[in-house]
Protein backbone atom coordinates (compact mmCIF):
# COMPACT_ATOMS: atom_id res chain seq x y z
CA UNK A 1 -125.37 -13.72 -4.65
CA UNK A 2 -124.67 -11.47 -7.61
CA UNK A 3 -122.53 -12.91 -10.37
CA UNK A 4 -118.95 -11.59 -10.57
CA UNK A 5 -118.57 -8.63 -12.89
CA UNK A 6 -116.00 -8.90 -15.69
CA UNK A 7 -115.03 -6.43 -18.40
CA UNK A 8 -117.16 -6.66 -21.51
CA UNK A 9 -115.40 -7.33 -24.84
CA UNK A 10 -116.03 -3.68 -25.79
CA UNK A 11 -114.01 -2.53 -22.76
CA UNK A 12 -110.94 -4.54 -23.69
CA UNK A 13 -107.76 -2.78 -24.78
CA UNK A 14 -105.08 -3.94 -27.20
CA UNK A 15 -102.93 -4.83 -24.18
CA UNK A 16 -105.69 -7.00 -22.70
CA UNK A 17 -105.99 -8.97 -25.92
CA UNK A 18 -102.23 -9.32 -26.36
CA UNK A 19 -101.79 -10.54 -22.80
CA UNK A 20 -104.19 -13.40 -23.43
CA UNK A 21 -101.22 -15.04 -25.17
CA UNK A 22 -97.74 -16.06 -24.01
CA UNK A 23 -94.80 -14.30 -25.63
CA UNK A 24 -92.59 -16.57 -27.78
CA UNK A 25 -89.66 -14.15 -27.45
CA UNK A 26 -89.45 -13.29 -23.74
CA UNK A 27 -91.54 -16.16 -22.32
CA UNK A 28 -93.92 -13.76 -20.52
CA UNK A 29 -97.01 -15.76 -19.65
CA UNK A 30 -100.64 -14.71 -20.19
CA UNK A 31 -101.60 -11.86 -17.88
CA UNK A 32 -98.11 -10.32 -17.89
CA UNK A 33 -96.52 -7.60 -20.04
CA UNK A 34 -93.45 -8.36 -22.12
CA UNK A 35 -90.06 -7.95 -20.49
CA UNK A 36 -86.80 -6.55 -21.80
CA UNK A 37 -83.44 -8.31 -21.77
CA UNK A 38 -82.53 -6.19 -18.75
CA UNK A 39 -85.45 -7.55 -16.72
CA UNK A 40 -87.69 -4.48 -16.95
CA UNK A 41 -91.21 -4.14 -18.32
CA UNK A 42 -90.75 -3.62 -22.07
CA UNK A 43 -91.93 -0.35 -23.62
CA UNK A 44 -93.86 -2.30 -26.26
CA UNK A 45 -95.10 -5.85 -26.81
CA UNK A 46 -92.93 -8.08 -28.94
CA UNK A 47 -94.11 -8.51 -32.52
CA UNK A 48 -94.30 -12.29 -32.29
CA UNK A 49 -96.73 -11.86 -29.43
CA UNK A 50 -99.13 -9.16 -30.58
CA UNK A 51 -99.46 -10.68 -34.05
CA UNK A 52 -101.22 -13.63 -32.38
CA UNK A 53 -104.20 -11.28 -32.06
CA UNK A 54 -105.90 -11.35 -35.50
CA UNK A 55 -106.88 -7.67 -35.55
CA UNK A 56 -103.31 -6.63 -34.66
CA UNK A 57 -101.51 -8.77 -37.23
CA UNK A 58 -100.76 -5.75 -39.46
CA UNK A 59 -99.85 -3.40 -36.61
CA UNK A 60 -96.29 -2.08 -36.57
CA UNK A 61 -96.09 -1.57 -32.81
CA UNK A 62 -98.28 -2.08 -29.74
CA UNK A 63 -97.02 0.05 -26.83
CA UNK A 64 -97.21 -1.16 -23.25
CA UNK A 65 -99.81 0.90 -21.33
CA UNK A 66 -98.68 3.14 -18.48
CA UNK A 67 -100.57 1.06 -15.91
CA UNK A 68 -98.16 -1.85 -16.67
CA UNK A 69 -95.25 0.41 -15.56
CA UNK A 70 -92.98 0.17 -18.63
CA UNK A 71 -89.32 0.61 -17.74
CA UNK A 72 -89.76 -0.61 -14.18
CA UNK A 73 -88.76 -3.97 -12.76
CA UNK A 74 -90.78 -6.72 -14.44
CA UNK A 75 -93.01 -8.86 -12.26
CA UNK A 76 -95.48 -11.51 -13.38
CA UNK A 77 -99.07 -10.33 -13.53
CA UNK A 78 -102.29 -12.12 -12.70
CA UNK A 79 -103.20 -14.82 -15.25
CA UNK A 80 -106.44 -14.03 -17.11
CA UNK A 81 -109.47 -15.87 -15.75
CA UNK A 82 -110.37 -19.09 -17.46
CA UNK A 83 -113.71 -19.22 -19.30
CA UNK A 84 -116.58 -19.75 -16.90
CA UNK A 85 -118.63 -22.91 -17.29
CA UNK A 86 -122.23 -21.82 -16.60
CA UNK A 87 -122.98 -25.26 -15.19
CA UNK A 88 -120.33 -24.96 -12.47
CA UNK A 89 -121.71 -24.28 -8.97
CA UNK A 90 -120.54 -20.99 -7.50
CA UNK A 91 -119.34 -20.59 -3.92
CA UNK A 92 -117.71 -18.14 -1.56
CA UNK A 93 -114.01 -18.75 -0.92
CA UNK A 94 -112.56 -16.86 2.04
CA UNK A 95 -108.93 -15.90 2.58
CA UNK A 96 -108.24 -14.69 6.13
CA UNK A 97 -105.65 -12.27 7.43
CA UNK A 98 -104.80 -11.53 11.08
CA UNK A 99 -102.28 -9.03 12.41
CA UNK A 100 -101.10 -7.40 15.58
CA UNK A 101 -98.37 -4.80 15.95
CA UNK A 102 -96.08 -6.23 18.65
CA UNK A 103 -94.79 -9.61 19.77
CA UNK A 104 -96.49 -9.15 23.15
CA UNK A 105 -99.98 -8.92 21.65
CA UNK A 106 -102.06 -12.03 21.06
CA UNK A 107 -103.51 -13.22 17.77
CA UNK A 108 -105.69 -16.06 19.02
CA UNK A 109 -108.90 -14.03 19.23
CA UNK A 110 -108.57 -12.94 15.60
CA UNK A 111 -107.64 -16.44 14.44
CA UNK A 112 -110.60 -17.95 16.28
CA UNK A 113 -112.99 -15.38 14.80
CA UNK A 114 -111.76 -16.08 11.29
CA UNK A 115 -111.89 -19.84 11.80
CA UNK A 116 -115.44 -19.37 13.13
CA UNK A 117 -116.42 -18.12 9.68
CA UNK A 118 -115.40 -21.45 8.13
CA UNK A 119 -112.01 -20.28 6.90
CA UNK A 120 -109.55 -23.22 6.88
CA UNK A 121 -106.45 -22.61 8.97
CA UNK A 122 -104.23 -23.04 5.94
CA UNK A 123 -106.10 -20.14 4.32
CA UNK A 124 -105.54 -17.81 7.29
CA UNK A 125 -102.34 -15.76 7.16
CA UNK A 126 -101.10 -14.08 10.33
CA UNK A 127 -98.15 -12.04 11.51
CA UNK A 128 -96.97 -9.75 14.28
CA UNK A 129 -95.82 -6.64 12.50
CA UNK A 130 -96.61 -2.94 12.55
CA UNK A 131 -98.49 -1.30 9.67
CA UNK A 132 -95.60 1.18 9.62
CA UNK A 133 -93.48 -1.59 8.06
CA UNK A 134 -93.79 -1.06 4.32
CA UNK A 135 -93.68 -4.74 3.33
CA UNK A 136 -95.67 -7.23 5.42
CA UNK A 137 -94.78 -10.71 4.12
CA UNK A 138 -97.87 -12.59 5.27
CA UNK A 139 -100.17 -9.81 4.10
CA UNK A 140 -98.59 -9.95 0.64
CA UNK A 141 -98.87 -13.75 0.66
CA UNK A 142 -102.56 -13.53 1.56
CA UNK A 143 -103.21 -11.09 -1.28
CA UNK A 144 -101.27 -13.27 -3.72
CA UNK A 145 -103.27 -16.32 -2.66
CA UNK A 146 -106.55 -14.45 -3.13
CA UNK A 147 -105.51 -13.39 -6.63
CA UNK A 148 -104.44 -16.92 -7.57
CA UNK A 149 -107.66 -18.45 -6.23
CA UNK A 150 -109.76 -15.94 -8.19
CA UNK A 151 -107.77 -16.61 -11.37
CA UNK A 152 -108.36 -20.36 -11.06
CA UNK A 153 -112.00 -20.11 -9.87
CA UNK A 154 -113.48 -17.03 -11.57
CA UNK A 155 -117.01 -18.33 -11.03
CA UNK A 156 -116.55 -18.10 -7.25
CA UNK A 157 -116.60 -15.02 -5.05
CA UNK A 158 -113.25 -14.66 -3.26
CA UNK A 159 -113.58 -12.76 0.03
CA UNK A 160 -110.51 -11.28 1.71
CA UNK A 161 -111.53 -11.40 5.37
CA UNK A 162 -110.08 -9.62 8.41
CA UNK A 163 -111.30 -9.21 11.98
CA UNK A 164 -111.38 -5.41 11.77
CA UNK A 165 -110.37 -2.68 9.36
CA UNK A 166 -107.29 -1.50 11.26
CA UNK A 167 -105.59 -4.85 10.57
CA UNK A 168 -105.29 -3.80 6.92
CA UNK A 169 -103.67 -0.36 7.01
CA UNK A 170 -102.92 2.73 9.01
CA UNK A 171 -104.44 5.57 7.00
CA UNK A 172 -107.15 6.42 4.49
CA UNK A 173 -104.78 6.45 1.51
CA UNK A 174 -103.49 2.95 2.26
CA UNK A 175 -106.97 1.51 2.74
CA UNK A 176 -108.27 3.16 -0.41
CA UNK A 177 -105.34 1.78 -2.41
CA UNK A 178 -106.08 -1.70 -1.04
CA UNK A 179 -109.75 -1.38 -2.00
CA UNK A 180 -108.69 -0.39 -5.52
CA UNK A 181 -106.33 -3.39 -5.72
CA UNK A 182 -108.94 -5.90 -4.57
CA UNK A 183 -111.69 -4.63 -6.84
CA UNK A 184 -109.30 -4.51 -9.79
CA UNK A 185 -108.87 -8.27 -9.34
CA UNK A 186 -112.60 -8.80 -8.67
CA UNK A 187 -111.90 -9.79 -5.08
CA UNK A 188 -114.33 -8.69 -2.40
CA UNK A 189 -113.48 -7.80 1.20
CA UNK A 190 -115.06 -8.12 4.61
CA UNK A 191 -114.17 -6.96 8.13
CA UNK A 192 -115.94 -9.13 10.73
CA UNK A 193 -116.54 -6.16 13.06
CA UNK A 194 -117.65 -2.61 12.36
CA UNK A 195 -119.91 -1.32 9.57
CA UNK A 196 -119.95 -3.39 6.40
CA UNK A 197 -118.49 -1.62 3.35
CA UNK A 198 -121.25 -2.76 0.99
CA UNK A 199 -119.65 -1.04 -2.00
CA UNK A 200 -116.50 -3.07 -1.32
CA UNK A 201 -118.46 -6.28 -0.94
CA UNK A 202 -120.39 -6.01 -4.18
CA UNK A 203 -117.32 -6.81 -6.30
CA UNK A 204 -117.80 -3.77 -8.49
CA UNK A 205 -115.00 -1.51 -9.66
CA UNK A 206 -113.55 0.64 -6.91
CA UNK A 207 -115.39 3.81 -5.97
CA UNK A 208 -113.22 6.16 -3.96
CA UNK A 209 -116.20 8.42 -3.31
CA UNK A 210 -118.11 5.63 -1.58
CA UNK A 211 -115.04 4.17 0.11
CA UNK A 212 -113.95 7.39 1.87
CA UNK A 213 -116.86 7.60 4.37
CA UNK A 214 -116.06 4.11 5.66
CA UNK A 215 -112.37 4.93 6.01
CA UNK A 216 -113.25 8.15 7.83
CA UNK A 217 -115.44 6.19 10.24
CA UNK A 218 -112.50 3.94 11.13
CA UNK A 219 -109.76 6.57 11.07
CA UNK A 220 -109.79 7.05 14.82
CA UNK A 221 -109.20 3.34 15.34
CA UNK A 222 -106.35 2.83 12.89
């Protein structure tokens, strides 16, 4: 199993280094941008926070990058991974998700398939809800759990597992966005049926060019 890929120190931005520290002013924790008094993402990091980074101690201002959505409603980010102990054994940790669209459909076959891949029942999230519903509570909970597990066990490969691709989304754009989200958090993915998206499984940064053929293959079944 290939070791998880993490950004090299040369790839780190000012924001990455600042967010290694908690903010004394707004109480934003590591992994999150600073927040304003109004509860939005602040346009810049607070001075008492960015001056904790030695190379930024003399900076006058450190702006919040666009990918942190400054000005929008503040939400906590993913805590930075803890340093990896090279002596720790690595392992695969699976988070399962099962879904059907209507109350009359059954979930047992999906749940059994996921459990058959050694996923504990308390790590399998299921719901009966259409992909046309914008917010799927159990899906969001499964993603949040996968992110939290990866943050606390960065030496392990976290695999977001579903029975088939169509359980995840209803169109190519939605599936591509999900692939981007998972790879951004160094989480891999696996459908138990259908062709394996090897470029999704390798834990590398998202590649839309390689992801599209797989989505196209499944489009007729979404």
